[in-house]
Amino acid sequence: MIVVTVRNPPGQRINPVTSPTPTVDTLWSTLQALPRSSRNQFLEKVVADVTMRQALEDILDLTLAHERSNEPVRPLDAVLAEIDEA
C-alpha cells in the first residue's frame, strides 16, 4: 500500500488515505459523481497548477516503483557491460 502524507499547517501531519476526514470523503464522492467533461475540466486545472502537478508526478513515480518492486533486478555493472558490448 502506498501512503501519501500531506502537511497540515502548522506542521501537523494528516494522512488522508488511512484516516480520511469528512471533507476528503465529500470531495472524493463529488469528483466521482461529476460528468466526464466536468471531471476533465477539474483535472486540467489540477495539472495546470505547478505544485499539484509535481505532487501528482511524485504519486505516479511512487506507484510505478511499488508496482515494479517485485520485478527481478540486475546489477548496474552488468547492464553497463551489456551496453558497452552493443
C-alpha atoms as a PDB file:
ATOM      1  CA  MET A   1       0.000   0.000   0.000  1.00  0.00           C
ATOM      2  CA  ILE A   2       1.219   3.483  -0.838  1.00  0.00           C
ATOM      3  CA  VAL A   3       0.538   6.144   1.767  1.00  0.00           C
ATOM      4  CA  VAL A   4       0.652   9.796   0.826  1.00  0.00           C
ATOM      5  CA  THR A   5       1.106  12.193   3.705  1.00  0.00           C
ATOM      6  CA  VAL A   6       0.164  15.839   3.370  1.00  0.00           C
ATOM      7  CA  ARG A   7       1.326  18.692   5.579  1.00  0.00           C
ATOM      8  CA  ASN A   8      -1.402  20.400   7.534  1.00  0.00           C
ATOM      9  CA  PRO A   9      -0.449  23.857   8.904  1.00  0.00           C
ATOM     10  CA  PRO A  10       1.222  24.465  11.251  1.00  0.00           C
ATOM     11  CA  GLY A  11       3.464  21.436  10.890  1.00  0.00           C
ATOM     12  CA  GLN A  12       0.798  18.890  11.851  1.00  0.00           C
ATOM     13  CA  ARG A  13       0.615  15.840   9.617  1.00  0.00           C
ATOM     14  CA  ILE A  14      -2.543  14.161   8.416  1.00  0.00           C
ATOM     15  CA  ASN A  15      -2.894  11.081   6.279  1.00  0.00           C
ATOM     16  CA  PRO A  16      -5.954  11.329   4.021  1.00  0.00           C
ATOM     17  CA  VAL A  17      -5.501   7.767   2.793  1.00  0.00           C
ATOM     18  CA  THR A  18      -5.738   5.940   6.119  1.00  0.00           C
ATOM     19  CA  SER A  19      -7.806   8.452   8.120  1.00  0.00           C
ATOM     20  CA  PRO A  20      -9.944  10.485   5.737  1.00  0.00           C
ATOM     21  CA  THR A  21     -11.810  13.472   7.051  1.00  0.00           C
ATOM     22  CA  PRO A  22     -15.392  14.159   6.030  1.00  0.00           C
ATOM     23  CA  THR A  23     -14.068  16.869   3.685  1.00  0.00           C
ATOM     24  CA  VAL A  24     -11.867  14.374   1.833  1.00  0.00           C
ATOM     25  CA  ASP A  25     -14.732  11.884   1.589  1.00  0.00           C
ATOM     26  CA  THR A  26     -17.056  14.594   0.294  1.00  0.00           C
ATOM     27  CA  LEU A  27     -14.531  15.783  -2.272  1.00  0.00           C
ATOM     28  CA  TRP A  28     -13.871  12.247  -3.467  1.00  0.00           C
ATOM     29  CA  SER A  29     -17.589  11.464  -3.808  1.00  0.00           C
ATOM     30  CA  THR A  30     -18.199  14.728  -5.640  1.00  0.00           C
ATOM     31  CA  LEU A  31     -15.372  14.063  -8.111  1.00  0.00           C
ATOM     32  CA  GLN A  32     -16.665  10.581  -8.816  1.00  0.00           C
ATOM     33  CA  ALA A  33     -20.191  11.898  -9.390  1.00  0.00           C
ATOM     34  CA  LEU A  34     -19.135  14.598 -11.864  1.00  0.00           C
ATOM     35  CA  PRO A  35     -19.856  14.081 -15.543  1.00  0.00           C
ATOM     36  CA  ARG A  36     -16.734  13.177 -17.516  1.00  0.00           C
ATOM     37  CA  SER A  37     -16.446  16.650 -19.091  1.00  0.00           C
ATOM     38  CA  SER A  38     -16.570  18.400 -15.703  1.00  0.00           C
ATOM     39  CA  ARG A  39     -14.106  15.928 -14.224  1.00  0.00           C
ATOM     40  CA  ASN A  40     -11.741  16.569 -17.132  1.00  0.00           C
ATOM     41  CA  GLN A  41     -12.028  20.337 -16.610  1.00  0.00           C
ATOM     42  CA  PHE A  42     -11.152  19.860 -12.947  1.00  0.00           C
ATOM     43  CA  LEU A  43      -8.179  17.648 -13.771  1.00  0.00           C
ATOM     44  CA  GLU A  44      -6.941  20.160 -16.347  1.00  0.00           C
ATOM     45  CA  LYS A  45      -6.860  22.808 -13.617  1.00  0.00           C
ATOM     46  CA  VAL A  46      -5.032  20.451 -11.258  1.00  0.00           C
ATOM     47  CA  VAL A  47      -2.424  19.658 -13.899  1.00  0.00           C
ATOM     48  CA  ALA A  48      -2.032  23.351 -14.781  1.00  0.00           C
ATOM     49  CA  ASP A  49      -1.054  24.114 -11.162  1.00  0.00           C
ATOM     50  CA  VAL A  50       2.698  23.521 -10.823  1.00  0.00           C
ATOM     51  CA  THR A  51       2.550  22.406  -7.183  1.00  0.00           C
ATOM     52  CA  MET A  52      -0.309  19.997  -7.777  1.00  0.00           C
ATOM     53  CA  ARG A  53       1.317  18.618 -10.937  1.00  0.00           C
ATOM     54  CA  GLN A  54       4.558  17.950  -9.052  1.00  0.00           C
ATOM     55  CA  ALA A  55       2.619  16.160  -6.311  1.00  0.00           C
ATOM     56  CA  LEU A  56       0.839  14.040  -8.920  1.00  0.00           C
ATOM     57  CA  GLU A  57       4.132  13.199 -10.603  1.00  0.00           C
ATOM     58  CA  ASP A  58       5.545  12.107  -7.237  1.00  0.00           C
ATOM     59  CA  ILE A  59       2.493   9.917  -6.611  1.00  0.00           C
ATOM     60  CA  LEU A  60       2.799   8.337 -10.062  1.00  0.00           C
ATOM     61  CA  ASP A  61       6.523   7.703  -9.518  1.00  0.00           C
ATOM     62  CA  LEU A  62       5.812   6.036  -6.170  1.00  0.00           C
ATOM     63  CA  THR A  63       3.021   3.967  -7.704  1.00  0.00           C
ATOM     64  CA  LEU A  64       5.253   2.767 -10.533  1.00  0.00           C
ATOM     65  CA  ALA A  65       8.083   1.920  -8.127  1.00  0.00           C
ATOM     66  CA  HIS A  66       5.668  -0.012  -5.929  1.00  0.00           C
ATOM     67  CA  GLU A  67       4.183  -1.903  -8.886  1.00  0.00           C
ATOM     68  CA  ARG A  68       7.638  -2.859 -10.151  1.00  0.00           C
ATOM     69  CA  SER A  69       9.141  -3.695  -6.751  1.00  0.00           C
ATOM     70  CA  ASN A  70       8.734  -7.443  -7.312  1.00  0.00           C
ATOM     71  CA  GLU A  71      10.448  -7.469 -10.702  1.00  0.00           C
ATOM     72  CA  PRO A  72      13.859  -9.120 -10.961  1.00  0.00           C
ATOM     73  CA  VAL A  73      16.827  -6.762 -10.894  1.00  0.00           C
ATOM     74  CA  ARG A  74      20.284  -6.853 -12.445  1.00  0.00           C
ATOM     75  CA  PRO A  75      23.456  -5.248 -11.142  1.00  0.00           C
ATOM     76  CA  LEU A  76      24.263  -1.913 -12.779  1.00  0.00           C
ATOM     77  CA  ASP A  77      27.690  -3.212 -13.833  1.00  0.00           C
ATOM     78  CA  ALA A  78      26.037  -5.990 -15.841  1.00  0.00           C
ATOM     79  CA  VAL A  79      23.753  -3.516 -17.598  1.00  0.00           C
ATOM     80  CA  LEU A  80      26.642  -1.163 -18.391  1.00  0.00           C
ATOM     81  CA  ALA A  81      28.744  -4.057 -19.707  1.00  0.00           C
ATOM     82  CA  GLU A  82      25.890  -5.102 -21.967  1.00  0.00           C
ATOM     83  CA  ILE A  83      25.612  -1.547 -23.310  1.00  0.00           C
ATOM     84  CA  ASP A  84      29.381  -1.391 -23.967  1.00  0.00           C
ATOM     85  CA  GLU A  85      29.175  -4.648 -25.944  1.00  0.00           C
ATOM     86  CA  ALA A  86      26.486  -3.255 -28.259  1.00  0.00           C
END
